[in-house]
Amino acid sequence: MRWPESATSRELTVTVNDELTSLGDIDIVFPILHGPFGEDGTLQGMLELIDMPYVGSGVLASSLGMDKHFTKTVLEHAGIAVAPWRTVSRRDYHVDDSVAHDALRELGAPVFVKPARAGSSVGVSKVTSPEQLDAAMRTAFAEDSKVLIEKGMPGREVEIAVLGGRPGEPARASVAGEIVITGRDFYDFDAKYLDAPGIELVCPADIDADTLAALQSIALRAFDAIGAEGLARVDFFLTENGIVVNEVNTMPGFTPISMFPSCWIASGLSYADLITELIDVAGERLAA
């Protein structure tokens, strides 16, 4: 597949049997991709360079949303509660691995060790004792040179889907979905993509009106704080001490059973209408 070589064309071509074949002009790109080079601003930057309209956040918000350290930094600066964390680079860890053990002692077990810039729970480990930490750090460093050690937050895991507004209109927040853990340590890659047992996705979640309103308000604040556009899924912990934001996903899972479309379906917007709305919103935003 070949993208246009300049902003003067929107023609997409592919090579079939050693011959270049046109697929016609592209109206708009819907980049439903995860991980590095998909949702981290890299692809969005390429589309900007060739003046190709696309759905979703731009370069900066995509990059911020992908980097858990900077997402937390920005949200914290905006007055939004996040789980306490420490960030450790591969270089610092190799020089002196005590930085990770110091972080574990400071935060207190359990913690989650996460690559800063990977998605779908790839490379994530739950650590409940110091003996598990070094292996968890190696697993995370296999995916990224920067790793978060994040305090485990006891409570319910809930998610809100956000849909960006047209020019001059505010963003909207959906009803909440909930991840109910019945037989796993956490919502890991196998549960997300390989249908491993031990997880139940519930949408809409059984949440009272006041809590839902608070979640929706914080989700919209987080969306605005990182400069997101188009869509995002904001993940929360409902703890005894209040609402804590876990992550902001600027290009969430988009299968018909994924939480983002499920939350909108439960809010009265069908899967097909949701896709149409995202395309229309992106087209109007870029035309403004």
C-alpha atoms as a PDB file:
ATOM      1  CA  MET A   1       0.000   0.000   0.000  1.00  0.00           C
ATOM      2  CA  ARG A   2       1.236   3.480  -0.876  1.00  0.00           C
ATOM      3  CA  TRP A   3       0.080   6.700   0.658  1.00  0.00           C
ATOM      4  CA  PRO A   4       0.010   9.870  -1.443  1.00  0.00           C
ATOM      5  CA  GLU A   5       3.458  11.340  -1.891  1.00  0.00           C
ATOM      6  CA  SER A   6       2.286  14.929  -1.470  1.00  0.00           C
ATOM      7  CA  ALA A   7      -0.608  16.997  -0.168  1.00  0.00           C
ATOM      8  CA  THR A   8      -1.798  17.540  -3.761  1.00  0.00           C
ATOM      9  CA  SER A   9      -3.282  14.035  -3.926  1.00  0.00           C
ATOM     10  CA  ARG A  10      -5.499  11.811  -1.795  1.00  0.00           C
ATOM     11  CA  GLU A  11      -5.099   8.721  -3.963  1.00  0.00           C
ATOM     12  CA  LEU A  12      -4.276   5.450  -2.219  1.00  0.00           C
ATOM     13  CA  THR A  13      -2.505   2.800  -4.316  1.00  0.00           C
ATOM     14  CA  VAL A  14      -1.472  -0.812  -3.821  1.00  0.00           C
ATOM     15  CA  THR A  15       0.862  -3.124  -5.688  1.00  0.00           C
ATOM     16  CA  VAL A  16      -0.887  -6.198  -7.125  1.00  0.00           C
ATOM     17  CA  ASN A  17       1.120  -8.675  -9.220  1.00  0.00           C
ATOM     18  CA  ASP A  18       3.926  -6.116  -9.503  1.00  0.00           C
ATOM     19  CA  GLU A  19       1.521  -3.529 -10.900  1.00  0.00           C
ATOM     20  CA  LEU A  20       0.448  -0.347  -9.165  1.00  0.00           C
ATOM     21  CA  THR A  21      -3.341  -0.247  -8.758  1.00  0.00           C
ATOM     22  CA  SER A  22      -5.382   2.722  -7.605  1.00  0.00           C
ATOM     23  CA  LEU A  23      -7.930   2.356  -4.821  1.00  0.00           C
ATOM     24  CA  GLY A  24      -9.255   5.818  -5.505  1.00  0.00           C
ATOM     25  CA  ASP A  25      -9.210   8.982  -3.475  1.00  0.00           C
ATOM     26  CA  ILE A  26      -9.485   8.846   0.310  1.00  0.00           C
ATOM     27  CA  ASP A  27     -12.175  10.980   1.933  1.00  0.00           C
ATOM     28  CA  ILE A  28     -10.999  10.480   5.497  1.00  0.00           C
ATOM     29  CA  VAL A  29      -8.752   8.040   7.391  1.00  0.00           C
ATOM     30  CA  PHE A  30     -10.056   6.150  10.440  1.00  0.00           C
ATOM     31  CA  PRO A  31      -6.789   5.038  12.113  1.00  0.00           C
ATOM     32  CA  ILE A  32      -8.063   2.189  14.317  1.00  0.00           C
ATOM     33  CA  LEU A  33      -4.567   1.099  15.288  1.00  0.00           C
ATOM     34  CA  HIS A  34      -3.055   0.378  18.694  1.00  0.00           C
ATOM     35  CA  GLY A  35       0.398   0.713  20.143  1.00  0.00           C
ATOM     36  CA  PRO A  36       3.535   2.444  18.827  1.00  0.00           C
ATOM     37  CA  PHE A  37       3.251   3.898  15.317  1.00  0.00           C
ATOM     38  CA  GLY A  38      -0.538   3.622  15.522  1.00  0.00           C
ATOM     39  CA  GLU A  39      -2.022   5.674  18.339  1.00  0.00           C
ATOM     40  CA  ASP A  40       1.099   7.492  19.568  1.00  0.00           C
ATOM     41  CA  GLY A  41       0.999  10.427  17.150  1.00  0.00           C
ATOM     42  CA  THR A  42       3.395   8.947  14.603  1.00  0.00           C
ATOM     43  CA  LEU A  43       0.751   7.986  12.053  1.00  0.00           C
ATOM     44  CA  GLN A  44      -1.140  11.178  12.807  1.00  0.00           C
ATOM     45  CA  GLY A  45       1.992  13.164  11.996  1.00  0.00           C
ATOM     46  CA  MET A  46       2.348  11.410   8.653  1.00  0.00           C
ATOM     47  CA  LEU A  47      -1.277  12.195   7.823  1.00  0.00           C
ATOM     48  CA  GLU A  48      -0.707  15.829   8.751  1.00  0.00           C
ATOM     49  CA  LEU A  49       2.299  16.001   6.435  1.00  0.00           C
ATOM     50  CA  ILE A  50       0.247  14.892   3.440  1.00  0.00           C
ATOM     51  CA  ASP A  51      -2.787  16.946   4.506  1.00  0.00           C
ATOM     52  CA  MET A  52      -4.945  13.857   4.887  1.00  0.00           C
ATOM     53  CA  PRO A  53      -8.049  14.257   7.097  1.00  0.00           C
ATOM     54  CA  TYR A  54      -8.453  11.669   9.850  1.00  0.00           C
ATOM     55  CA  VAL A  55     -10.601  10.672  12.812  1.00  0.00           C
ATOM     56  CA  GLY A  56      -9.377  11.247  16.324  1.00  0.00           C
ATOM     57  CA  SER A  57      -6.752  13.188  18.202  1.00  0.00           C
ATOM     58  CA  GLY A  58      -3.851  15.026  16.641  1.00  0.00           C
ATOM     59  CA  VAL A  59      -0.143  14.480  17.148  1.00  0.00           C
ATOM     60  CA  LEU A  60       0.259  16.017  20.602  1.00  0.00           C
ATOM     61  CA  ALA A  61      -2.810  14.508  22.272  1.00  0.00           C
ATOM     62  CA  SER A  62      -2.105  11.102  20.712  1.00  0.00           C
ATOM     63  CA  SER A  63       1.458  11.208  22.002  1.00  0.00           C
ATOM     64  CA  LEU A  64       0.368  12.352  25.459  1.00  0.00           C
ATOM     65  CA  GLY A  65      -2.305   9.687  25.714  1.00  0.00           C
ATOM     66  CA  MET A  66       0.170   6.983  24.732  1.00  0.00           C
ATOM     67  CA  ASP A  67       2.782   8.018  27.314  1.00  0.00           C
ATOM     68  CA  LYS A  68       1.399   7.092  30.732  1.00  0.00           C
ATOM     69  CA  HIS A  69       3.972   9.248  32.551  1.00  0.00           C
ATOM     70  CA  PHE A  70       3.035  12.416  30.704  1.00  0.00           C
ATOM     71  CA  THR A  71      -0.688  11.639  30.785  1.00  0.00           C
ATOM     72  CA  LYS A  72      -0.498  11.480  34.567  1.00  0.00           C
ATOM     73  CA  THR A  73       1.662  14.593  34.745  1.00  0.00           C
ATOM     74  CA  VAL A  74      -0.795  16.626  32.671  1.00  0.00           C
ATOM     75  CA  LEU A  75      -3.870  15.313  34.492  1.00  0.00           C
ATOM     76  CA  GLU A  76      -2.321  15.944  37.883  1.00  0.00           C
ATOM     77  CA  HIS A  77      -1.477  19.504  36.828  1.00  0.00           C
ATOM     78  CA  ALA A  78      -5.141  19.925  35.816  1.00  0.00           C
ATOM     79  CA  GLY A  79      -6.252  18.925  39.312  1.00  0.00           C
ATOM     80  CA  ILE A  80      -7.439  15.441  38.347  1.00  0.00           C
ATOM     81  CA  ALA A  81      -6.580  12.619  40.762  1.00  0.00           C
ATOM     82  CA  VAL A  82      -4.337   9.855  39.390  1.00  0.00           C
ATOM     83  CA  ALA A  83      -2.769   6.790  40.981  1.00  0.00           C
ATOM     84  CA  PRO A  84       0.601   7.575  42.631  1.00  0.00           C
ATOM     85  CA  TRP A  85       3.525   6.439  40.491  1.00  0.00           C
ATOM     86  CA  ARG A  86       7.237   6.579  39.893  1.00  0.00           C
ATOM     87  CA  THR A  87       8.924   6.442  36.477  1.00  0.00           C
ATOM     88  CA  VAL A  88      12.193   4.565  35.985  1.00  0.00           C
ATOM     89  CA  SER A  89      14.324   4.621  32.831  1.00  0.00           C
ATOM     90  CA  ARG A  90      16.179   1.553  31.595  1.00  0.00           C
ATOM     91  CA  ARG A  91      19.496   3.394  31.906  1.00  0.00           C
ATOM     92  CA  ASP A  92      18.899   4.408  35.539  1.00  0.00           C
ATOM     93  CA  TYR A  93      17.710   0.921  36.425  1.00  0.00           C
ATOM     94  CA  HIS A  94      20.787  -0.710  34.902  1.00  0.00           C
ATOM     95  CA  VAL A  95      23.054   1.694  36.771  1.00  0.00           C
ATOM     96  CA  ASP A  96      21.325   1.094  40.105  1.00  0.00           C
ATOM     97  CA  ASP A  97      18.269  -1.146  40.369  1.00  0.00           C
ATOM     98  CA  SER A  98      17.588   0.153  43.869  1.00  0.00           C
ATOM     99  CA  VAL A  99      15.579   2.994  42.279  1.00  0.00           C
ATOM    100  CA  ALA A 100      12.808   0.493  41.548  1.00  0.00           C
ATOM    101  CA  HIS A 101      12.942  -1.104  44.987  1.00  0.00           C
ATOM    102  CA  ASP A 102      12.895   2.339  46.605  1.00  0.00           C
ATOM    103  CA  ALA A 103       9.771   3.152  44.590  1.00  0.00           C
ATOM    104  CA  LEU A 104       8.107  -0.081  45.698  1.00  0.00           C
ATOM    105  CA  ARG A 105       8.847   0.656  49.358  1.00  0.00           C
ATOM    106  CA  GLU A 106       7.580   4.210  48.986  1.00  0.00           C
ATOM    107  CA  LEU A 107       4.357   3.290  47.171  1.00  0.00           C
ATOM    108  CA  GLY A 108       3.672   0.060  49.022  1.00  0.00           C
ATOM    109  CA  ALA A 109       2.610  -3.258  47.514  1.00  0.00           C
ATOM    110  CA  PRO A 110       0.755  -4.142  45.446  1.00  0.00           C
ATOM    111  CA  VAL A 111       2.009  -2.117  42.495  1.00  0.00           C
ATOM    112  CA  PHE A 112       1.613  -2.485  38.760  1.00  0.00           C
ATOM    113  CA  VAL A 113       4.753  -2.314  36.639  1.00  0.00           C
ATOM    114  CA  LYS A 114       3.938  -0.961  33.176  1.00  0.00           C
ATOM    115  CA  PRO A 115       5.792   0.088  30.044  1.00  0.00           C
ATOM    116  CA  ALA A 116       5.158   3.814  29.725  1.00  0.00           C
ATOM    117  CA  ARG A 117       4.353   3.665  26.004  1.00  0.00           C
ATOM    118  CA  ALA A 118       2.701   0.341  25.265  1.00  0.00           C
ATOM    119  CA  GLY A 119      -0.976  -0.510  25.056  1.00  0.00           C
ATOM    120  CA  SER A 120      -3.360  -3.412  25.621  1.00  0.00           C
ATOM    121  CA  SER A 121      -1.676  -4.359  28.937  1.00  0.00           C
ATOM    122  CA  VAL A 122       1.367  -5.658  27.040  1.00  0.00           C
ATOM    123  CA  GLY A 123       4.321  -6.007  29.408  1.00  0.00           C
ATOM    124  CA  VAL A 124       2.262  -5.257  32.528  1.00  0.00           C
ATOM    125  CA  SER A 125       2.810  -7.190  35.760  1.00  0.00           C
ATOM    126  CA  LYS A 126       1.221  -7.073  39.187  1.00  0.00           C
ATOM    127  CA  VAL A 127       3.845  -7.074  41.941  1.00  0.00           C
ATOM    128  CA  THR A 128       2.885  -8.049  45.469  1.00  0.00           C
ATOM    129  CA  SER A 129       6.364  -8.626  46.941  1.00  0.00           C
ATOM    130  CA  PRO A 130       9.918  -7.322  46.403  1.00  0.00           C
ATOM    131  CA  GLU A 131      10.975 -10.710  45.039  1.00  0.00           C
ATOM    132  CA  GLN A 132       8.713 -10.233  42.012  1.00  0.00           C
ATOM    133  CA  LEU A 133       9.921  -6.746  41.111  1.00  0.00           C
ATOM    134  CA  ASP A 134      13.046  -7.447  39.058  1.00  0.00           C
ATOM    135  CA  ALA A 135      11.258  -9.924  36.779  1.00  0.00           C
ATOM    136  CA  ALA A 136       8.421  -7.442  36.304  1.00  0.00           C
ATOM    137  CA  MET A 137      10.889  -4.693  35.415  1.00  0.00           C
ATOM    138  CA  ARG A 138      12.569  -6.927  32.818  1.00  0.00           C
ATOM    139  CA  THR A 139       9.195  -7.755  31.294  1.00  0.00           C
ATOM    140  CA  ALA A 140       8.265  -4.081  31.034  1.00  0.00           C
ATOM    141  CA  PHE A 141      11.670  -3.000  29.720  1.00  0.00           C
ATOM    142  CA  ALA A 142      11.310  -5.547  26.920  1.00  0.00           C
ATOM    143  CA  GLU A 143       8.562  -3.261  25.584  1.00  0.00           C
ATOM    144  CA  ASP A 144       9.856   0.218  26.417  1.00  0.00           C
ATOM    145  CA  SER A 145      12.871   2.067  27.770  1.00  0.00           C
ATOM    146  CA  LYS A 146      10.689   3.863  30.316  1.00  0.00           C
ATOM    147  CA  VAL A 147       8.645   2.036  32.945  1.00  0.00           C
ATOM    148  CA  LEU A 148       6.020   3.111  35.454  1.00  0.00           C
ATOM    149  CA  ILE A 149       5.727   1.637  38.914  1.00  0.00           C
ATOM    150  CA  GLU A 150       2.163   2.488  39.884  1.00  0.00           C
ATOM    151  CA  LYS A 151       0.397   1.997  43.179  1.00  0.00           C
ATOM    152  CA  GLY A 152      -2.426  -0.516  42.991  1.00  0.00           C
ATOM    153  CA  MET A 153      -5.782   1.148  43.593  1.00  0.00           C
ATOM    154  CA  PRO A 154      -8.364  -1.037  45.350  1.00  0.00           C
ATOM    155  CA  GLY A 155     -11.850  -0.403  44.042  1.00  0.00           C
ATOM    156  CA  ARG A 156     -14.108  -0.807  41.047  1.00  0.00           C
ATOM    157  CA  GLU A 157     -12.704  -0.349  37.527  1.00  0.00           C
ATOM    158  CA  VAL A 158     -15.041   1.693  35.355  1.00  0.00           C
ATOM    159  CA  GLU A 159     -14.757   3.406  31.987  1.00  0.00           C
ATOM    160  CA  ILE A 160     -16.432   6.340  30.264  1.00  0.00           C
ATOM    161  CA  ALA A 161     -16.464   6.840  26.480  1.00  0.00           C
ATOM    162  CA  VAL A 162     -16.079  10.414  25.241  1.00  0.00           C
ATOM    163  CA  LEU A 163     -17.215  11.660  21.841  1.00  0.00           C
ATOM    164  CA  GLY A 164     -15.811  14.965  20.605  1.00  0.00           C
ATOM    165  CA  GLY A 165     -18.222  17.639  19.465  1.00  0.00           C
ATOM    166  CA  ARG A 166     -18.541  19.447  16.183  1.00  0.00           C
ATOM    167  CA  PRO A 167     -16.983  22.926  15.957  1.00  0.00           C
ATOM    168  CA  GLY A 168     -18.585  25.092  18.637  1.00  0.00           C
ATOM    169  CA  GLU A 169     -20.188  22.124  20.404  1.00  0.00           C
ATOM    170  CA  PRO A 170     -18.968  20.449  23.622  1.00  0.00           C
ATOM    171  CA  ALA A 171     -17.778  16.871  23.867  1.00  0.00           C
ATOM    172  CA  ARG A 172     -20.190  14.251  25.216  1.00  0.00           C
ATOM    173  CA  ALA A 173     -19.725  11.481  27.762  1.00  0.00           C
ATOM    174  CA  SER A 174     -21.436   8.091  27.718  1.00  0.00           C
ATOM    175  CA  VAL A 175     -22.822   5.939  30.481  1.00  0.00           C
ATOM    176  CA  ALA A 176     -20.212   3.950  32.414  1.00  0.00           C
ATOM    177  CA  GLY A 177     -19.008   0.436  31.726  1.00  0.00           C
ATOM    178  CA  GLU A 178     -17.378  -1.730  34.369  1.00  0.00           C
ATOM    179  CA  ILE A 179     -14.641  -4.354  34.309  1.00  0.00           C
ATOM    180  CA  VAL A 180     -15.547  -6.997  36.882  1.00  0.00           C
ATOM    181  CA  ILE A 181     -12.606  -9.224  37.790  1.00  0.00           C
ATOM    182  CA  THR A 182     -13.823 -12.669  38.838  1.00  0.00           C
ATOM    183  CA  GLY A 183     -10.786 -14.892  38.468  1.00  0.00           C
ATOM    184  CA  ARG A 184      -7.658 -13.030  37.294  1.00  0.00           C
ATOM    185  CA  ASP A 185      -5.115 -10.712  38.901  1.00  0.00           C
ATOM    186  CA  PHE A 186      -6.074  -7.883  36.542  1.00  0.00           C
ATOM    187  CA  TYR A 187      -7.517  -7.113  33.093  1.00  0.00           C
ATOM    188  CA  ASP A 188      -4.521  -8.395  31.135  1.00  0.00           C
ATOM    189  CA  PHE A 189      -3.777  -8.964  27.444  1.00  0.00           C
ATOM    190  CA  ASP A 190      -5.132 -12.517  27.442  1.00  0.00           C
ATOM    191  CA  ALA A 191      -8.453 -11.378  28.867  1.00  0.00           C
ATOM    192  CA  LYS A 192      -8.695  -8.456  26.448  1.00  0.00           C
ATOM    193  CA  TYR A 193      -7.850 -10.264  23.236  1.00  0.00           C
ATOM    194  CA  LEU A 194      -7.698 -14.021  23.755  1.00  0.00           C
ATOM    195  CA  ASP A 195     -11.009 -14.430  25.566  1.00  0.00           C
ATOM    196  CA  ALA A 196      -9.324 -15.773  28.683  1.00  0.00           C
ATOM    197  CA  PRO A 197     -11.763 -16.398  31.556  1.00  0.00           C
ATOM    198  CA  GLY A 198     -11.967 -14.427  34.783  1.00  0.00           C
ATOM    199  CA  ILE A 199     -13.241 -11.082  33.469  1.00  0.00           C
ATOM    200  CA  GLU A 200     -16.776  -9.808  32.952  1.00  0.00           C
ATOM    201  CA  LEU A 201     -17.549  -6.588  31.081  1.00  0.00           C
ATOM    202  CA  VAL A 202     -20.742  -4.933  32.291  1.00  0.00           C
ATOM    203  CA  CYS A 203     -22.366  -2.038  30.457  1.00  0.00           C
ATOM    204  CA  PRO A 204     -24.089  -0.022  31.700  1.00  0.00           C
ATOM    205  CA  ALA A 205     -22.482  -0.301  35.113  1.00  0.00           C
ATOM    206  CA  ASP A 206     -24.631  -0.291  38.246  1.00  0.00           C
ATOM    207  CA  ILE A 207     -23.650   3.201  39.416  1.00  0.00           C
ATOM    208  CA  ASP A 208     -25.806   5.829  41.091  1.00  0.00           C
ATOM    209  CA  ALA A 209     -26.671   9.013  39.216  1.00  0.00           C
ATOM    210  CA  ASP A 210     -24.418  11.316  41.252  1.00  0.00           C
ATOM    211  CA  THR A 211     -21.357   9.093  40.797  1.00  0.00           C
ATOM    212  CA  LEU A 212     -22.057   8.741  37.079  1.00  0.00           C
ATOM    213  CA  ALA A 213     -22.341  12.512  36.709  1.00  0.00           C
ATOM    214  CA  ALA A 214     -19.018  12.956  38.522  1.00  0.00           C
ATOM    215  CA  LEU A 215     -17.342  10.353  36.301  1.00  0.00           C
ATOM    216  CA  GLN A 216     -18.683  11.996  33.159  1.00  0.00           C
ATOM    217  CA  SER A 217     -17.512  15.427  34.303  1.00  0.00           C
ATOM    218  CA  ILE A 218     -13.987  14.191  35.079  1.00  0.00           C
ATOM    219  CA  ALA A 219     -13.839  12.256  31.802  1.00  0.00           C
ATOM    220  CA  LEU A 220     -14.620  15.452  29.866  1.00  0.00           C
ATOM    221  CA  ARG A 221     -12.034  17.386  31.899  1.00  0.00           C
ATOM    222  CA  ALA A 222      -9.394  14.726  31.178  1.00  0.00           C
ATOM    223  CA  PHE A 223     -10.327  14.754  27.478  1.00  0.00           C
ATOM    224  CA  ASP A 224      -9.813  18.518  27.372  1.00  0.00           C
ATOM    225  CA  ALA A 225      -6.683  18.436  29.550  1.00  0.00           C
ATOM    226  CA  ILE A 226      -4.665  16.442  27.012  1.00  0.00           C
ATOM    227  CA  GLY A 227      -6.229  18.234  24.039  1.00  0.00           C
ATOM    228  CA  ALA A 228      -8.009  15.131  22.754  1.00  0.00           C
ATOM    229  CA  GLU A 229     -10.276  15.259  19.714  1.00  0.00           C
ATOM    230  CA  GLY A 230     -12.842  12.943  18.200  1.00  0.00           C
ATOM    231  CA  LEU A 231     -12.934  10.136  20.723  1.00  0.00           C
ATOM    232  CA  ALA A 232     -11.354   8.724  23.839  1.00  0.00           C
ATOM    233  CA  ARG A 233     -12.022   6.197  26.563  1.00  0.00           C
ATOM    234  CA  VAL A 234     -11.224   7.380  30.075  1.00  0.00           C
ATOM    235  CA  ASP A 235     -10.500   4.611  32.591  1.00  0.00           C
ATOM    236  CA  PHE A 236     -11.161   5.085  36.302  1.00  0.00           C
ATOM    237  CA  PHE A 237     -10.839   3.489  39.710  1.00  0.00           C
ATOM    238  CA  LEU A 238     -13.740   4.036  42.084  1.00  0.00           C
ATOM    239  CA  THR A 239     -12.029   3.917  45.470  1.00  0.00           C
ATOM    240  CA  GLU A 240     -13.166   4.530  49.036  1.00  0.00           C
ATOM    241  CA  ASN A 241     -11.374   7.884  48.858  1.00  0.00           C
ATOM    242  CA  GLY A 242     -12.890   9.040  45.587  1.00  0.00           C
ATOM    243  CA  ILE A 243     -12.503   8.836  41.825  1.00  0.00           C
ATOM    244  CA  VAL A 244      -9.054   8.246  40.344  1.00  0.00           C
ATOM    245  CA  VAL A 245      -8.208   8.364  36.622  1.00  0.00           C
ATOM    246  CA  ASN A 246      -6.109   5.462  35.390  1.00  0.00           C
ATOM    247  CA  GLU A 247      -5.577   6.231  31.685  1.00  0.00           C
ATOM    248  CA  VAL A 248      -6.897   8.204  28.729  1.00  0.00           C
ATOM    249  CA  ASN A 249      -7.022   6.097  25.553  1.00  0.00           C
ATOM    250  CA  THR A 250      -7.199   8.281  22.445  1.00  0.00           C
ATOM    251  CA  MET A 251      -7.895   5.339  20.112  1.00  0.00           C
ATOM    252  CA  PRO A 252      -9.698   2.705  22.188  1.00  0.00           C
ATOM    253  CA  GLY A 253     -10.704  -0.771  21.113  1.00  0.00           C
ATOM    254  CA  PHE A 254     -13.374  -0.606  18.430  1.00  0.00           C
ATOM    255  CA  THR A 255     -14.810  -4.056  17.887  1.00  0.00           C
ATOM    256  CA  PRO A 256     -18.607  -4.217  18.382  1.00  0.00           C
ATOM    257  CA  ILE A 257     -18.028  -5.718  21.860  1.00  0.00           C
ATOM    258  CA  SER A 258     -15.274  -3.306  22.944  1.00  0.00           C
ATOM    259  CA  MET A 259     -16.080  -1.001  25.824  1.00  0.00           C
ATOM    260  CA  PHE A 260     -16.036   2.256  23.836  1.00  0.00           C
ATOM    261  CA  PRO A 261     -18.801   1.294  21.379  1.00  0.00           C
ATOM    262  CA  SER A 262     -20.593  -0.703  24.090  1.00  0.00           C
ATOM    263  CA  CYS A 263     -20.853   2.395  26.260  1.00  0.00           C
ATOM    264  CA  TRP A 264     -22.302   4.399  23.368  1.00  0.00           C
ATOM    265  CA  ILE A 265     -24.685   1.635  22.383  1.00  0.00           C
ATOM    266  CA  ALA A 266     -25.920   1.616  26.000  1.00  0.00           C
ATOM    267  CA  SER A 267     -26.240   5.404  25.702  1.00  0.00           C
ATOM    268  CA  GLY A 268     -28.536   5.077  22.678  1.00  0.00           C
ATOM    269  CA  LEU A 269     -26.096   5.389  19.768  1.00  0.00           C
ATOM    270  CA  SER A 270     -25.783   2.330  17.531  1.00  0.00           C
ATOM    271  CA  TYR A 271     -22.422   0.978  16.342  1.00  0.00           C
ATOM    272  CA  ALA A 272     -23.065   2.117  12.758  1.00  0.00           C
ATOM    273  CA  ASP A 273     -24.295   5.549  13.875  1.00  0.00           C
ATOM    274  CA  LEU A 274     -21.261   5.925  16.149  1.00  0.00           C
ATOM    275  CA  ILE A 275     -18.865   5.350  13.243  1.00  0.00           C
ATOM    276  CA  THR A 276     -20.841   7.777  11.069  1.00  0.00           C
ATOM    277  CA  GLU A 277     -20.781  10.365  13.848  1.00  0.00           C
ATOM    278  CA  LEU A 278     -17.008  10.079  14.291  1.00  0.00           C
ATOM    279  CA  ILE A 279     -16.408  10.498  10.571  1.00  0.00           C
ATOM    280  CA  ASP A 280     -18.817  13.445  10.351  1.00  0.00           C
ATOM    281  CA  VAL A 281     -17.292  15.142  13.410  1.00  0.00           C
ATOM    282  CA  ALA A 282     -13.778  14.747  12.002  1.00  0.00           C
ATOM    283  CA  GLY A 283     -14.843  16.071   8.612  1.00  0.00           C
ATOM    284  CA  GLU A 284     -16.561  19.127  10.071  1.00  0.00           C
ATOM    285  CA  ARG A 285     -13.686  19.818  12.475  1.00  0.00           C
ATOM    286  CA  LEU A 286     -11.076  19.705   9.715  1.00  0.00           C
ATOM    287  CA  ALA A 287     -13.230  21.825   7.389  1.00  0.00           C
ATOM    288  CA  ALA A 288     -13.711  24.538  10.000  1.00  0.00           C
END
